Protein backbone atom coordinates (compact mmCIF):
# COMPACT_ATOMS: atom_id res chain seq x y z
CA MET A 1 -48.46 -13.68 -60.14
CA THR A 2 -46.15 -15.28 -57.48
CA LEU A 3 -44.22 -12.03 -56.64
CA GLN A 4 -44.78 -10.46 -53.18
CA ILE A 5 -43.43 -7.04 -51.90
CA HIS A 6 -43.21 -6.21 -48.35
CA GLN A 7 -42.43 -2.56 -47.55
CA PHE A 8 -41.56 -1.19 -44.17
CA PRO A 9 -40.20 2.09 -42.69
CA CYS A 10 -36.71 2.35 -41.16
CA LEU A 11 -34.30 4.77 -39.97
CA SER A 12 -35.66 8.23 -39.90
CA ASP A 13 -37.49 8.49 -43.35
CA ASN A 14 -36.18 5.20 -45.40
CA TYR A 15 -38.29 2.44 -46.70
CA GLY A 16 -37.10 -1.11 -46.86
CA PHE A 17 -38.33 -3.60 -49.44
CA LEU A 18 -38.37 -7.35 -49.38
CA VAL A 19 -39.38 -9.00 -52.61
CA HIS A 20 -40.25 -12.64 -52.34
CA ASP A 21 -40.93 -15.18 -55.13
CA LEU A 22 -43.69 -17.72 -53.85
CA ALA A 23 -42.72 -20.36 -56.39
CA SER A 24 -38.83 -20.52 -55.66
CA GLY A 25 -39.00 -19.29 -52.12
CA GLU A 26 -36.25 -16.77 -52.97
CA THR A 27 -36.25 -13.26 -51.36
CA VAL A 28 -34.23 -10.09 -52.39
CA CYS A 29 -33.72 -7.32 -50.13
CA ILE A 30 -33.62 -4.07 -52.15
CA ASP A 31 -30.90 -2.04 -50.45
CA THR A 32 -30.01 -2.44 -46.87
CA PRO A 33 -30.68 0.75 -44.89
CA ASP A 34 -31.05 -1.01 -41.49
CA ALA A 35 -29.62 -4.63 -41.31
CA GLU A 36 -31.45 -5.29 -37.95
CA ALA A 37 -34.90 -4.09 -39.42
CA CYS A 38 -34.36 -6.00 -42.74
CA LEU A 39 -33.52 -9.26 -41.01
CA ARG A 40 -36.51 -8.79 -38.40
CA GLU A 41 -39.02 -8.03 -41.23
CA ALA A 42 -37.86 -11.02 -43.09
CA ALA A 43 -38.15 -13.40 -40.25
CA ALA A 44 -41.67 -11.98 -39.62
CA GLN A 45 -42.56 -12.78 -43.18
CA GLY A 46 -40.88 -16.22 -43.00
CA TRP A 47 -38.83 -15.12 -46.02
CA PRO A 48 -35.00 -15.95 -45.60
CA ILE A 49 -33.07 -13.34 -47.49
CA THR A 50 -31.22 -14.99 -50.53
CA GLN A 51 -29.93 -12.00 -52.33
CA ILE A 52 -29.47 -8.09 -52.04
CA TRP A 53 -29.73 -5.71 -54.85
CA ASN A 54 -28.07 -2.42 -54.12
CA THR A 55 -29.01 0.67 -55.95
CA HIS A 56 -26.05 2.71 -54.95
CA TRP A 57 -23.38 3.11 -52.40
CA HIS A 58 -24.77 5.57 -49.82
CA PRO A 59 -24.75 3.90 -46.26
CA ASP A 60 -28.43 4.25 -45.79
CA HIS A 61 -28.63 1.84 -48.91
CA ALA A 62 -25.75 -0.34 -48.58
CA GLY A 63 -24.69 -0.09 -45.12
CA GLY A 64 -26.27 -3.28 -43.83
CA ASN A 65 -24.85 -5.59 -46.49
CA GLU A 66 -22.12 -7.24 -44.33
CA ALA A 67 -24.56 -7.88 -41.47
CA ILE A 68 -27.12 -9.37 -43.49
CA LYS A 69 -24.80 -11.48 -45.54
CA ALA A 70 -23.14 -12.83 -42.62
CA ALA A 71 -26.51 -13.72 -41.19
CA THR A 72 -28.01 -15.30 -44.31
CA GLY A 73 -25.11 -16.07 -46.75
CA CYS A 74 -27.08 -14.22 -49.41
CA THR A 75 -25.62 -13.03 -52.71
CA VAL A 76 -24.94 -9.26 -53.03
CA ILE A 77 -25.37 -7.44 -56.29
CA ALA A 78 -24.48 -3.84 -56.87
CA PRO A 79 -23.85 -1.35 -59.63
CA ALA A 80 -20.35 -1.55 -60.94
CA THR A 81 -19.51 2.10 -60.95
CA ASP A 82 -20.38 2.26 -57.18
CA SER A 83 -19.23 -1.15 -56.17
CA GLY A 84 -15.88 -0.13 -54.84
CA LYS A 85 -17.59 1.81 -52.18
CA ILE A 86 -19.91 -1.05 -51.29
CA ALA A 87 -19.05 -3.89 -48.89
CA ALA A 88 -19.53 -7.61 -49.67
CA VAL A 89 -20.25 -7.36 -53.48
CA ASP A 90 -20.47 -10.79 -55.12
CA ARG A 91 -21.64 -9.46 -58.63
CA SER A 92 -21.37 -6.04 -60.29
CA VAL A 93 -23.87 -5.00 -62.82
CA GLY A 94 -24.45 -2.31 -65.23
CA HIS A 95 -26.98 -0.94 -67.63
CA GLY A 96 -28.76 -3.59 -69.69
CA ASP A 97 -27.68 -6.37 -67.40
CA THR A 98 -30.23 -8.69 -65.87
CA VAL A 99 -30.76 -10.23 -62.42
CA THR A 100 -33.21 -12.86 -61.43
CA LEU A 101 -35.47 -13.77 -58.54
CA GLY A 102 -36.94 -17.20 -59.10
CA GLN A 103 -38.89 -17.03 -62.32
CA TYR A 104 -38.76 -13.32 -62.53
CA THR A 105 -35.99 -11.16 -64.48
CA ALA A 106 -35.18 -7.74 -63.54
CA THR A 107 -33.34 -5.30 -65.96
CA VAL A 108 -30.66 -3.11 -64.54
CA ILE A 109 -31.14 0.67 -65.65
CA ASP A 110 -28.49 3.14 -65.30
CA VAL A 111 -30.03 6.00 -63.49
CA GLY A 112 -26.68 7.84 -62.41
CA GLY A 113 -26.81 11.45 -61.24
CA HIS A 114 -27.53 11.12 -57.54
CA THR A 115 -24.24 8.89 -57.39
CA LEU A 116 -22.28 8.21 -60.47
CA GLY A 117 -23.32 4.43 -60.69
CA HIS A 118 -26.77 4.56 -59.25
CA CYS A 119 -29.01 1.91 -60.84
CA ALA A 120 -32.67 0.88 -60.84
CA TYR A 121 -34.16 -2.63 -61.16
CA HIS A 122 -37.05 -3.04 -63.40
CA LEU A 123 -39.31 -6.12 -63.15
CA PRO A 124 -41.24 -5.72 -66.28
CA HIS A 125 -43.58 -8.73 -65.64
CA ALA A 126 -44.53 -7.30 -62.37
CA ALA A 127 -44.88 -3.70 -63.73
CA THR A 128 -42.54 -2.63 -60.93
CA ALA A 129 -39.13 -0.68 -60.70
CA PHE A 130 -37.12 -0.11 -57.59
CA VAL A 131 -35.49 3.37 -58.26
CA GLY A 132 -33.67 4.08 -55.12
CA ASP A 133 -32.92 7.94 -54.85
CA ALA A 134 -32.99 8.55 -58.41
CA LEU A 135 -36.73 9.48 -58.44
CA PHE A 136 -39.17 10.24 -55.85
CA PRO A 137 -42.99 11.09 -55.98
CA LEU A 138 -42.89 14.69 -57.09
CA GLY A 139 -39.07 14.84 -56.88
CA CYS A 140 -35.79 13.42 -57.85
CA GLY A 141 -32.46 12.82 -55.79
CA ARG A 142 -29.97 15.49 -55.09
CA MET A 143 -27.18 15.64 -57.70
CA PHE A 144 -24.38 14.66 -55.44
CA GLU A 145 -21.95 13.22 -58.05
CA GLY A 146 -23.36 13.45 -61.49
CA THR A 147 -23.92 16.18 -64.06
CA PRO A 148 -27.38 17.60 -65.38
CA ASP A 149 -26.65 15.86 -68.68
CA GLN A 150 -26.24 12.39 -66.88
CA PHE A 151 -29.12 12.83 -64.62
CA TRP A 152 -31.48 13.98 -67.31
CA ALA A 153 -30.53 11.03 -69.53
CA SER A 154 -31.31 8.84 -66.48
CA LEU A 155 -34.69 10.36 -66.01
CA GLN A 156 -35.19 9.85 -69.69
CA ARG A 157 -34.71 6.05 -69.34
CA LEU A 158 -37.27 5.92 -66.43
CA LYS A 159 -39.77 8.02 -68.52
CA ALA A 160 -39.61 5.46 -71.33
CA LEU A 161 -40.85 2.64 -68.94
CA PRO A 162 -44.70 1.73 -69.30
CA PRO A 163 -46.79 4.26 -67.68
CA GLU A 164 -48.43 1.77 -65.36
CA THR A 165 -45.19 0.98 -63.69
CA ALA A 166 -45.21 1.16 -59.99
CA LEU A 167 -42.06 2.98 -58.88
CA TYR A 168 -40.71 2.16 -55.47
CA SER A 169 -38.55 5.03 -53.94
CA ALA A 170 -36.34 4.71 -50.88
CA HIS A 171 -37.68 7.63 -48.78
CA GLU A 172 -40.76 9.44 -47.58
CA TYR A 173 -40.13 12.80 -48.95
CA THR A 174 -43.34 13.48 -50.82
CA GLN A 175 -44.80 16.42 -48.83
CA SER A 176 -41.59 18.33 -48.92
CA ASN A 177 -41.21 17.55 -52.83
CA ALA A 178 -44.75 18.76 -53.21
CA ARG A 179 -44.19 22.20 -51.78
CA PHE A 180 -41.33 22.61 -54.23
CA ALA A 181 -43.27 21.13 -57.18
CA ILE A 182 -46.16 23.53 -56.68
CA PHE A 183 -43.66 26.52 -56.60
CA ALA A 184 -41.89 25.07 -59.70
CA ASP A 185 -45.18 24.36 -61.60
CA PRO A 186 -48.02 26.36 -60.06
CA ASP A 187 -50.56 26.09 -62.99
CA ASN A 188 -50.48 22.39 -63.10
CA ALA A 189 -53.96 20.87 -62.21
CA ALA A 190 -52.68 17.44 -61.96
CA LEU A 191 -50.01 18.49 -59.57
CA GLU A 192 -52.54 20.44 -57.50
CA SER A 193 -54.75 17.22 -57.16
CA TYR A 194 -51.73 15.02 -56.51
CA ALA A 195 -50.54 17.24 -53.71
CA ALA A 196 -53.81 17.37 -52.04
CA LYS A 197 -54.05 13.55 -51.98
CA VAL A 198 -50.55 13.54 -50.52
CA ASP A 199 -51.55 15.70 -47.71
CA ALA A 200 -54.70 13.70 -46.93
CA ARG A 201 -52.66 10.42 -46.84
CA ARG A 202 -49.90 11.81 -44.63
CA GLU A 203 -52.62 13.10 -42.27
CA LEU A 204 -53.73 9.57 -41.84
CA GLY A 205 -50.22 8.23 -41.31
CA GLN A 206 -50.28 6.54 -44.85
CA TRP A 207 -47.25 6.14 -47.11
CA THR A 208 -46.91 7.88 -50.53
CA VAL A 209 -44.59 5.12 -51.97
CA PRO A 210 -45.03 3.58 -54.36
CA THR A 211 -46.28 6.01 -56.97
CA THR A 212 -46.91 5.15 -60.61
CA LEU A 213 -44.83 6.58 -63.67
CA ALA A 214 -48.06 7.90 -65.18
CA ALA A 215 -48.70 10.15 -62.03
CA GLU A 216 -45.21 11.31 -62.02
CA LEU A 217 -45.19 12.20 -65.92
CA ALA A 218 -48.23 14.37 -65.19
CA ALA A 219 -47.01 16.11 -61.95
CA ASN A 220 -43.36 15.69 -61.24
CA PRO A 221 -41.55 19.02 -62.37
CA PHE A 222 -38.26 17.14 -62.98
CA LEU A 223 -39.84 14.82 -65.36
CA ARG A 224 -41.58 17.69 -67.09
CA ALA A 225 -38.20 19.72 -67.86
CA ASP A 226 -38.90 19.02 -71.53
CA ALA A 227 -42.40 20.46 -71.52
CA PRO A 228 -42.48 23.99 -73.19
CA ASP A 229 -44.27 25.70 -70.30
CA MET A 230 -41.39 24.58 -67.91
CA ALA A 231 -38.90 25.95 -70.28
CA ALA A 232 -40.77 29.15 -70.52
CA ARG A 233 -40.96 29.34 -66.63
CA TRP A 234 -37.38 28.20 -65.76
CA GLY A 235 -35.37 28.97 -68.82
CA GLY A 236 -32.88 26.79 -70.64
CA ALA A 237 -32.29 26.23 -74.43
CA SER A 238 -32.65 22.61 -73.83
CA PRO A 239 -34.40 20.09 -71.38
CA VAL A 240 -31.09 19.48 -69.74
CA GLU A 241 -30.77 23.18 -68.94
CA THR A 242 -34.26 23.49 -67.74
CA PHE A 243 -33.78 20.24 -65.42
CA ALA A 244 -30.49 21.85 -64.10
CA ALA A 245 -32.15 25.14 -63.20
CA LEU A 246 -35.00 23.28 -61.46
CA ARG A 247 -32.43 20.97 -59.48
CA ALA A 248 -30.43 24.06 -58.49
CA ALA A 249 -33.66 25.78 -57.18
CA LYS A 250 -34.68 22.76 -55.33
CA ASP A 251 -31.22 22.50 -53.58
CA THR A 252 -31.78 25.96 -51.98
CA PHE A 253 -35.68 25.87 -51.58
CA ARG A 254 -36.93 26.24 -48.07
């Protein structure tokens, strides 16, 4: 495989991602949380940025578009529903569209809910998905614009990916997410083990991103909203209602 991923922290708790195809020399910047950091990291790797793939419109994901495009002449790709709020867009994409990086093709997945147009980029031949703020290790994004029905449908699309898929989320929120997850699903042995590993990694200053879909299917309470034990604990006549109850509880959890 000729695909390389360079991950780096930026802003207060964001991660930046540069994805480079050795064969073509192309590099995509996944979101642009900090233009200066993205350009610096790309230069350090010797990877000129040729594309930007935005997941959604929030400034800590698209705020660096103009500066990076001015510096590199790169092509900016963004979700169509959010693109009116995103600067310097060259191409708008929606669910089922594809984008390419050298020999690799990524499928655009609608994961709206955090914002209406949020999308993820799935590179099946690299067993990798960049999911922005839709899904986090042991959590999911706050539902700023969407509805529970929309967001649950989005999570269903991610749940359908191969379990070995590496999920690259945009923030280091996992310890905080773990505290709520244990509150929400206290009898889950897989979650207990996961949370202990998270604490150990953070104690060493290590990142908890990426995760794998398999790990999240076992331990992430939001992905388990369709499990009978979660419905029994949180109520709801459907997985959507259980998910809505979980998301509302997380919003006020301290």
